[in-house]
Every structure is written in C-alpha cells, then in structure tokens.
Amino acid sequence: MNALFPAIPEWLSYLVAGLTIFAMLCAGAVIAARAGRNPYWALLIIVPFLAPVMVWAFAYARWPSMEQKSAAPPPAA
C-alpha cells in the first residue's frame, strides 16, 4: 500500500483511507436523509462499480422531500 509514499508508516495510510471512507459515508447519509431517503443507502458507496450507478439513479429518482415542499400551500400575504 505504501508504494507511492514509502516514508509514511503503513498504519497511517490505513488510517487515512479509513477516515476518507467514513467521511464519504457520512456525507452520503446526510444527503440521502435530506432527500427523504433512508440514510443506509450510503453504504452502497463502498461498492466500487456500483457507486457511480447509484449516484446516477439517485439523481434521476423522485425526491420525496421536494414533492412535500411543492405540495405545501403558498404562504398567506
């Protein structure tokens, strides 16, 4: 794993990789929750070839939170 940076200890490279994956999962869970979806959908980010397909499908799917906002009556003036 340290072929690119041989001066870095191996445990540090694993720590950086783990923190990166954790940050991606947290961001995906927050985005899914704001869109009205189950945050567990963010776990699909871990699967390498499924992640781009999931993002594409998520972008073109119906967003329940946006439908709820458009169904709300306009504020009275």
PDB file of N, CA and C in Angstrom:
ATOM      1  N   MET A   1       0.821  -1.195   0.000  1.00  0.00           N
ATOM      2  CA  MET A   1       0.000   0.000   0.000  1.00  0.00           C
ATOM      3  C   MET A   1       0.862   1.255   0.000  1.00  0.00           C
ATOM      4  N   ASN A   2       2.080   1.158   0.468  1.00  0.00           N
ATOM      5  CA  ASN A   2       2.938   2.338   0.551  1.00  0.00           C
ATOM      6  C   ASN A   2       3.877   2.462  -0.639  1.00  0.00           C
ATOM      7  N   ALA A   3       3.464   2.042  -1.800  1.00  0.00           N
ATOM      8  CA  ALA A   3       4.318   2.144  -2.974  1.00  0.00           C
ATOM      9  C   ALA A   3       4.531   3.597  -3.383  1.00  0.00           C
ATOM     10  N   LEU A   4       3.523   4.434  -3.201  1.00  0.00           N
ATOM     11  CA  LEU A   4       3.648   5.834  -3.596  1.00  0.00           C
ATOM     12  C   LEU A   4       4.376   6.673  -2.555  1.00  0.00           C
ATOM     13  N   PHE A   5       4.160   6.372  -1.280  1.00  0.00           N
ATOM     14  CA  PHE A   5       4.757   7.142  -0.196  1.00  0.00           C
ATOM     15  C   PHE A   5       5.463   6.196   0.774  1.00  0.00           C
ATOM     16  N   PRO A   6       6.671   5.771   0.456  1.00  0.00           N
ATOM     17  CA  PRO A   6       7.338   4.791   1.320  1.00  0.00           C
ATOM     18  C   PRO A   6       7.747   5.348   2.682  1.00  0.00           C
ATOM     19  N   ALA A   7       7.806   6.659   2.849  1.00  0.00           N
ATOM     20  CA  ALA A   7       8.227   7.228   4.125  1.00  0.00           C
ATOM     21  C   ALA A   7       7.096   7.258   5.151  1.00  0.00           C
ATOM     22  N   ILE A   8       5.861   7.070   4.713  1.00  0.00           N
ATOM     23  CA  ILE A   8       4.707   7.103   5.611  1.00  0.00           C
ATOM     24  C   ILE A   8       4.522   5.710   6.213  1.00  0.00           C
ATOM     25  N   PRO A   9       4.304   5.617   7.525  1.00  0.00           N
ATOM     26  CA  PRO A   9       4.046   4.299   8.119  1.00  0.00           C
ATOM     27  C   PRO A   9       2.773   3.678   7.544  1.00  0.00           C
ATOM     28  N   GLU A  10       2.746   2.364   7.511  1.00  0.00           N
ATOM     29  CA  GLU A  10       1.618   1.671   6.900  1.00  0.00           C
ATOM     30  C   GLU A  10       0.318   1.935   7.655  1.00  0.00           C
ATOM     31  N   TRP A  11       0.377   2.006   8.975  1.00  0.00           N
ATOM     32  CA  TRP A  11      -0.837   2.240   9.759  1.00  0.00           C
ATOM     33  C   TRP A  11      -1.444   3.600   9.448  1.00  0.00           C
ATOM     34  N   LEU A  12      -0.584   4.585   9.122  1.00  0.00           N
ATOM     35  CA  LEU A  12      -1.097   5.913   8.809  1.00  0.00           C
ATOM     36  C   LEU A  12      -1.839   5.924   7.481  1.00  0.00           C
ATOM     37  N   SER A  13      -1.349   5.165   6.522  1.00  0.00           N
ATOM     38  CA  SER A  13      -2.045   5.109   5.240  1.00  0.00           C
ATOM     39  C   SER A  13      -3.400   4.414   5.391  1.00  0.00           C
ATOM     40  N   TYR A  14      -3.475   3.382   6.242  1.00  0.00           N
ATOM     41  CA  TYR A  14      -4.760   2.739   6.502  1.00  0.00           C
ATOM     42  C   TYR A  14      -5.706   3.678   7.244  1.00  0.00           C
ATOM     43  N   LEU A  15      -5.172   4.468   8.148  1.00  0.00           N
ATOM     44  CA  LEU A  15      -5.987   5.426   8.884  1.00  0.00           C
ATOM     45  C   LEU A  15      -6.571   6.476   7.947  1.00  0.00           C
ATOM     46  N   VAL A  16      -5.766   6.985   7.046  1.00  0.00           N
ATOM     47  CA  VAL A  16      -6.245   7.990   6.085  1.00  0.00           C
ATOM     48  C   VAL A  16      -7.313   7.391   5.176  1.00  0.00           C
ATOM     49  N   ALA A  17      -7.095   6.162   4.710  1.00  0.00           N
ATOM     50  CA  ALA A  17      -8.092   5.506   3.850  1.00  0.00           C
ATOM     51  C   ALA A  17      -9.393   5.281   4.612  1.00  0.00           C
ATOM     52  N   GLY A  18      -9.295   4.845   5.852  1.00  0.00           N
ATOM     53  CA  GLY A  18     -10.493   4.611   6.652  1.00  0.00           C
ATOM     54  C   GLY A  18     -11.259   5.885   6.938  1.00  0.00           C
ATOM     55  N   LEU A  19     -10.553   6.958   7.254  1.00  0.00           N
ATOM     56  CA  LEU A  19     -11.218   8.234   7.507  1.00  0.00           C
ATOM     57  C   LEU A  19     -11.866   8.796   6.250  1.00  0.00           C
ATOM     58  N   THR A  20     -11.247   8.566   5.108  1.00  0.00           N
ATOM     59  CA  THR A  20     -11.830   9.012   3.841  1.00  0.00           C
ATOM     60  C   THR A  20     -13.133   8.274   3.548  1.00  0.00           C
ATOM     61  N   ILE A  21     -13.120   6.962   3.746  1.00  0.00           N
ATOM     62  CA  ILE A  21     -14.338   6.180   3.529  1.00  0.00           C
ATOM     63  C   ILE A  21     -15.423   6.597   4.511  1.00  0.00           C
ATOM     64  N   PHE A  22     -15.046   6.827   5.769  1.00  0.00           N
ATOM     65  CA  PHE A  22     -16.007   7.258   6.777  1.00  0.00           C
ATOM     66  C   PHE A  22     -16.627   8.606   6.413  1.00  0.00           C
ATOM     67  N   ALA A  23     -15.813   9.541   5.924  1.00  0.00           N
ATOM     68  CA  ALA A  23     -16.328  10.854   5.530  1.00  0.00           C
ATOM     69  C   ALA A  23     -17.293  10.730   4.345  1.00  0.00           C
ATOM     70  N   MET A  24     -16.975   9.865   3.391  1.00  0.00           N
ATOM     71  CA  MET A  24     -17.864   9.663   2.249  1.00  0.00           C
ATOM     72  C   MET A  24     -19.192   9.057   2.689  1.00  0.00           C
ATOM     73  N   LEU A  25     -19.151   8.107   3.634  1.00  0.00           N
ATOM     74  CA  LEU A  25     -20.386   7.502   4.129  1.00  0.00           C
ATOM     75  C   LEU A  25     -21.236   8.513   4.881  1.00  0.00           C
ATOM     76  N   CYS A  26     -20.601   9.335   5.691  1.00  0.00           N
ATOM     77  CA  CYS A  26     -21.354  10.352   6.443  1.00  0.00           C
ATOM     78  C   CYS A  26     -22.002  11.360   5.505  1.00  0.00           C
ATOM     79  N   ALA A  27     -21.254  11.819   4.517  1.00  0.00           N
ATOM     80  CA  ALA A  27     -21.808  12.786   3.564  1.00  0.00           C
ATOM     81  C   ALA A  27     -22.953  12.168   2.768  1.00  0.00           C
ATOM     82  N   GLY A  28     -22.787  10.928   2.338  1.00  0.00           N
ATOM     83  CA  GLY A  28     -23.854  10.255   1.595  1.00  0.00           C
ATOM     84  C   GLY A  28     -25.101  10.045   2.431  1.00  0.00           C
ATOM     85  N   ALA A  29     -24.916   9.729   3.712  1.00  0.00           N
ATOM     86  CA  ALA A  29     -26.068   9.533   4.594  1.00  0.00           C
ATOM     87  C   ALA A  29     -26.819  10.839   4.829  1.00  0.00           C
ATOM     88  N   VAL A  30     -26.098  11.930   4.990  1.00  0.00           N
ATOM     89  CA  VAL A  30     -26.746  13.235   5.200  1.00  0.00           C
ATOM     90  C   VAL A  30     -27.516  13.646   3.948  1.00  0.00           C
ATOM     91  N   ILE A  31     -26.921  13.453   2.791  1.00  0.00           N
ATOM     92  CA  ILE A  31     -27.588  13.822   1.539  1.00  0.00           C
ATOM     93  C   ILE A  31     -28.833  12.967   1.329  1.00  0.00           C
ATOM     94  N   ALA A  32     -28.723  11.671   1.589  1.00  0.00           N
ATOM     95  CA  ALA A  32     -29.885  10.790   1.424  1.00  0.00           C
ATOM     96  C   ALA A  32     -31.005  11.166   2.399  1.00  0.00           C
ATOM     97  N   ALA A  33     -30.654  11.488   3.629  1.00  0.00           N
ATOM     98  CA  ALA A  33     -31.670  11.869   4.614  1.00  0.00           C
ATOM     99  C   ALA A  33     -32.353  13.173   4.225  1.00  0.00           C
ATOM    100  N   ARG A  34     -31.601  14.128   3.716  1.00  0.00           N
ATOM    101  CA  ARG A  34     -32.205  15.398   3.292  1.00  0.00           C
ATOM    102  C   ARG A  34     -33.102  15.223   2.087  1.00  0.00           C
ATOM    103  N   ALA A  35     -32.798  14.205   1.280  1.00  0.00           N
ATOM    104  CA  ALA A  35     -33.621  13.945   0.101  1.00  0.00           C
ATOM    105  C   ALA A  35     -34.846  13.116   0.439  1.00  0.00           C
ATOM    106  N   GLY A  36     -34.975  12.703   1.697  1.00  0.00           N
ATOM    107  CA  GLY A  36     -36.135  11.924   2.097  1.00  0.00           C
ATOM    108  C   GLY A  36     -35.945  10.434   1.927  1.00  0.00           C
ATOM    109  N   ARG A  37     -34.738   9.982   1.745  1.00  0.00           N
ATOM    110  CA  ARG A  37     -34.432   8.557   1.584  1.00  0.00           C
ATOM    111  C   ARG A  37     -33.827   8.015   2.867  1.00  0.00           C
ATOM    112  N   ASN A  38     -33.714   6.696   2.936  1.00  0.00           N
ATOM    113  CA  ASN A  38     -33.089   6.038   4.072  1.00  0.00           C
ATOM    114  C   ASN A  38     -31.581   6.288   4.020  1.00  0.00           C
ATOM    115  N   PRO A  39     -30.963   6.742   5.114  1.00  0.00           N
ATOM    116  CA  PRO A  39     -29.513   7.004   5.103  1.00  0.00           C
ATOM    117  C   PRO A  39     -28.659   5.775   4.856  1.00  0.00           C
ATOM    118  N   TYR A  40     -29.215   4.582   5.029  1.00  0.00           N
ATOM    119  CA  TYR A  40     -28.438   3.369   4.788  1.00  0.00           C
ATOM    120  C   TYR A  40     -28.090   3.178   3.307  1.00  0.00           C
ATOM    121  N   TRP A  41     -28.725   3.933   2.430  1.00  0.00           N
ATOM    122  CA  TRP A  41     -28.355   3.880   1.013  1.00  0.00           C
ATOM    123  C   TRP A  41     -26.908   4.307   0.804  1.00  0.00           C
ATOM    124  N   ALA A  42     -26.362   5.049   1.742  1.00  0.00           N
ATOM    125  CA  ALA A  42     -24.976   5.499   1.622  1.00  0.00           C
ATOM    126  C   ALA A  42     -23.994   4.339   1.680  1.00  0.00           C
ATOM    127  N   LEU A  43     -24.392   3.207   2.210  1.00  0.00           N
ATOM    128  CA  LEU A  43     -23.495   2.057   2.266  1.00  0.00           C
ATOM    129  C   LEU A  43     -23.120   1.534   0.884  1.00  0.00           C
ATOM    130  N   LEU A  44     -23.931   1.857  -0.119  1.00  0.00           N
ATOM    131  CA  LEU A  44     -23.608   1.420  -1.479  1.00  0.00           C
ATOM    132  C   LEU A  44     -22.402   2.167  -2.053  1.00  0.00           C
ATOM    133  N   ILE A  45     -21.965   3.231  -1.393  1.00  0.00           N
ATOM    134  CA  ILE A  45     -20.783   3.961  -1.854  1.00  0.00           C
ATOM    135  C   ILE A  45     -19.538   3.085  -1.747  1.00  0.00           C
ATOM    136  N   ILE A  46     -19.555   2.122  -0.842  1.00  0.00           N
ATOM    137  CA  ILE A  46     -18.384   1.263  -0.627  1.00  0.00           C
ATOM    138  C   ILE A  46     -18.131   0.352  -1.826  1.00  0.00           C
ATOM    139  N   VAL A  47     -19.183  -0.068  -2.525  1.00  0.00           N
ATOM    140  CA  VAL A  47     -19.033  -0.980  -3.661  1.00  0.00           C
ATOM    141  C   VAL A  47     -18.488  -0.175  -4.848  1.00  0.00           C
ATOM    142  N   PRO A  48     -17.282  -0.506  -5.338  1.00  0.00           N
ATOM    143  CA  PRO A  48     -16.615   0.354  -6.318  1.00  0.00           C
ATOM    144  C   PRO A  48     -17.397   0.625  -7.602  1.00  0.00           C
ATOM    145  N   PHE A  49     -17.901  -0.397  -8.280  1.00  0.00           N
ATOM    146  CA  PHE A  49     -18.549  -0.171  -9.561  1.00  0.00           C
ATOM    147  C   PHE A  49     -20.031   0.170  -9.420  1.00  0.00           C
ATOM    148  N   LEU A  50     -20.573   0.001  -8.238  1.00  0.00           N
ATOM    149  CA  LEU A  50     -21.974   0.315  -8.018  1.00  0.00           C
ATOM    150  C   LEU A  50     -22.180   1.775  -7.620  1.00  0.00           C
ATOM    151  N   ALA A  51     -21.167   2.406  -7.084  1.00  0.00           N
ATOM    152  CA  ALA A  51     -21.292   3.787  -6.600  1.00  0.00           C
ATOM    153  C   ALA A  51     -21.698   4.764  -7.714  1.00  0.00           C
ATOM    154  N   PRO A  52     -21.042   4.779  -8.881  1.00  0.00           N
ATOM    155  CA  PRO A  52     -21.480   5.724  -9.928  1.00  0.00           C
ATOM    156  C   PRO A  52     -22.897   5.436 -10.427  1.00  0.00           C
ATOM    157  N   VAL A  53     -23.260   4.177 -10.509  1.00  0.00           N
ATOM    158  CA  VAL A  53     -24.619   3.822 -10.938  1.00  0.00           C
ATOM    159  C   VAL A  53     -25.629   4.293  -9.904  1.00  0.00           C
ATOM    160  N   MET A  54     -25.287   4.118  -8.624  1.00  0.00           N
ATOM    161  CA  MET A  54     -26.185   4.548  -7.562  1.00  0.00           C
ATOM    162  C   MET A  54     -26.367   6.064  -7.577  1.00  0.00           C
ATOM    163  N   VAL A  55     -25.293   6.796  -7.771  1.00  0.00           N
ATOM    164  CA  VAL A  55     -25.383   8.258  -7.813  1.00  0.00           C
ATOM    165  C   VAL A  55     -26.233   8.701  -9.010  1.00  0.00           C
ATOM    166  N   TRP A  56     -26.055   8.058 -10.149  1.00  0.00           N
ATOM    167  CA  TRP A  56     -26.834   8.404 -11.340  1.00  0.00           C
ATOM    168  C   TRP A  56     -28.317   8.110 -11.114  1.00  0.00           C
ATOM    169  N   ALA A  57     -28.634   6.945 -10.554  1.00  0.00           N
ATOM    170  CA  ALA A  57     -30.026   6.590 -10.302  1.00  0.00           C
ATOM    171  C   ALA A  57     -30.641   7.510  -9.246  1.00  0.00           C
ATOM    172  N   PHE A  58     -29.860   7.882  -8.253  1.00  0.00           N
ATOM    173  CA  PHE A  58     -30.351   8.766  -7.199  1.00  0.00           C
ATOM    174  C   PHE A  58     -30.647  10.161  -7.751  1.00  0.00           C
ATOM    175  N   ALA A  59     -29.859  10.597  -8.716  1.00  0.00           N
ATOM    176  CA  ALA A  59     -30.043  11.932  -9.282  1.00  0.00           C
ATOM    177  C   ALA A  59     -31.345  12.038 -10.075  1.00  0.00           C
ATOM    178  N   TYR A  60     -31.750  10.940 -10.731  1.00  0.00           N
ATOM    179  CA  TYR A  60     -32.940  10.981 -11.573  1.00  0.00           C
ATOM    180  C   TYR A  60     -34.180  10.392 -10.910  1.00  0.00           C
ATOM    181  N   ALA A  61     -34.059   9.952  -9.669  1.00  0.00           N
ATOM    182  CA  ALA A  61     -35.210   9.394  -8.951  1.00  0.00           C
ATOM    183  C   ALA A  61     -36.082  10.523  -8.403  1.00  0.00           C
ATOM    184  N   ARG A  62     -37.293  10.194  -8.037  1.00  0.00           N
ATOM    185  CA  ARG A  62     -38.163  11.178  -7.387  1.00  0.00           C
ATOM    186  C   ARG A  62     -37.657  11.436  -5.981  1.00  0.00           C
ATOM    187  N   TRP A  63     -37.680  12.684  -5.584  1.00  0.00           N
ATOM    188  CA  TRP A  63     -37.211  13.071  -4.257  1.00  0.00           C
ATOM    189  C   TRP A  63     -38.431  13.396  -3.414  1.00  0.00           C
ATOM    190  N   PRO A  64     -38.747  12.554  -2.433  1.00  0.00           N
ATOM    191  CA  PRO A  64     -39.940  12.792  -1.612  1.00  0.00           C
ATOM    192  C   PRO A  64     -39.920  14.136  -0.888  1.00  0.00           C
ATOM    193  N   SER A  65     -38.775  14.588  -0.456  1.00  0.00           N
ATOM    194  CA  SER A  65     -38.734  15.868   0.261  1.00  0.00           C
ATOM    195  C   SER A  65     -39.068  17.035  -0.667  1.00  0.00           C
ATOM    196  N   MET A  66     -38.711  16.954  -1.935  1.00  0.00           N
ATOM    197  CA  MET A  66     -39.041  18.020  -2.883  1.00  0.00           C
ATOM    198  C   MET A  66     -40.526  17.993  -3.220  1.00  0.00           C
ATOM    199  N   GLU A  67     -41.135  16.808  -3.270  1.00  0.00           N
ATOM    200  CA  GLU A  67     -42.555  16.714  -3.545  1.00  0.00           C
ATOM    201  C   GLU A  67     -43.372  17.282  -2.382  1.00  0.00           C
ATOM    202  N   GLN A  68     -42.887  17.080  -1.142  1.00  0.00           N
ATOM    203  CA  GLN A  68     -43.599  17.619   0.001  1.00  0.00           C
ATOM    204  C   GLN A  68     -43.550  19.144   0.018  1.00  0.00           C
ATOM    205  N   LYS A  69     -42.432  19.715  -0.376  1.00  0.00           N
ATOM    206  CA  LYS A  69     -42.312  21.174  -0.405  1.00  0.00           C
ATOM    207  C   LYS A  69     -43.201  21.775  -1.485  1.00  0.00           C
ATOM    208  N   SER A  70     -43.311  21.113  -2.626  1.00  0.00           N
ATOM    209  CA  SER A  70     -44.136  21.668  -3.708  1.00  0.00           C
ATOM    210  C   SER A  70     -45.617  21.483  -3.423  1.00  0.00           C
ATOM    211  N   ALA A  71     -45.976  20.523  -2.571  1.00  0.00           N
ATOM    212  CA  ALA A  71     -47.386  20.296  -2.252  1.00  0.00           C
ATOM    213  C   ALA A  71     -47.877  21.244  -1.153  1.00  0.00           C
ATOM    214  N   ALA A  72     -46.987  21.914  -0.469  1.00  0.00           N
ATOM    215  CA  ALA A  72     -47.370  22.817   0.600  1.00  0.00           C
ATOM    216  C   ALA A  72     -48.049  24.060   0.004  1.00  0.00           C
ATOM    217  N   PRO A  73     -49.063  24.573   0.673  1.00  0.00           N
ATOM    218  CA  PRO A  73     -49.733  25.772   0.162  1.00  0.00           C
ATOM    219  C   PRO A  73     -48.818  26.987   0.270  1.00  0.00           C
ATOM    220  N   PRO A  74     -48.990  27.964  -0.612  1.00  0.00           N
ATOM    221  CA  PRO A  74     -48.150  29.164  -0.531  1.00  0.00           C
ATOM    222  C   PRO A  74     -48.479  29.954   0.729  1.00  0.00           C
ATOM    223  N   PRO A  75     -47.510  30.675   1.266  1.00  0.00           N
ATOM    224  CA  PRO A  75     -47.770  31.444   2.481  1.00  0.00           C
ATOM    225  C   PRO A  75     -48.740  32.597   2.208  1.00  0.00           C
ATOM    226  N   ALA A  76     -49.582  32.861   3.194  1.00  0.00           N
ATOM    227  CA  ALA A  76     -50.566  33.940   3.054  1.00  0.00           C
ATOM    228  C   ALA A  76     -49.882  35.270   3.211  1.00  0.00           C
ATOM    229  N   ALA A  77     -50.268  36.208   2.379  1.00  0.00           N
ATOM    230  CA  ALA A  77     -49.644  37.543   2.441  1.00  0.00           C
ATOM    231  C   ALA A  77     -50.554  38.551   3.078  1.00  0.00           C
TER     232      ALA A  77
END
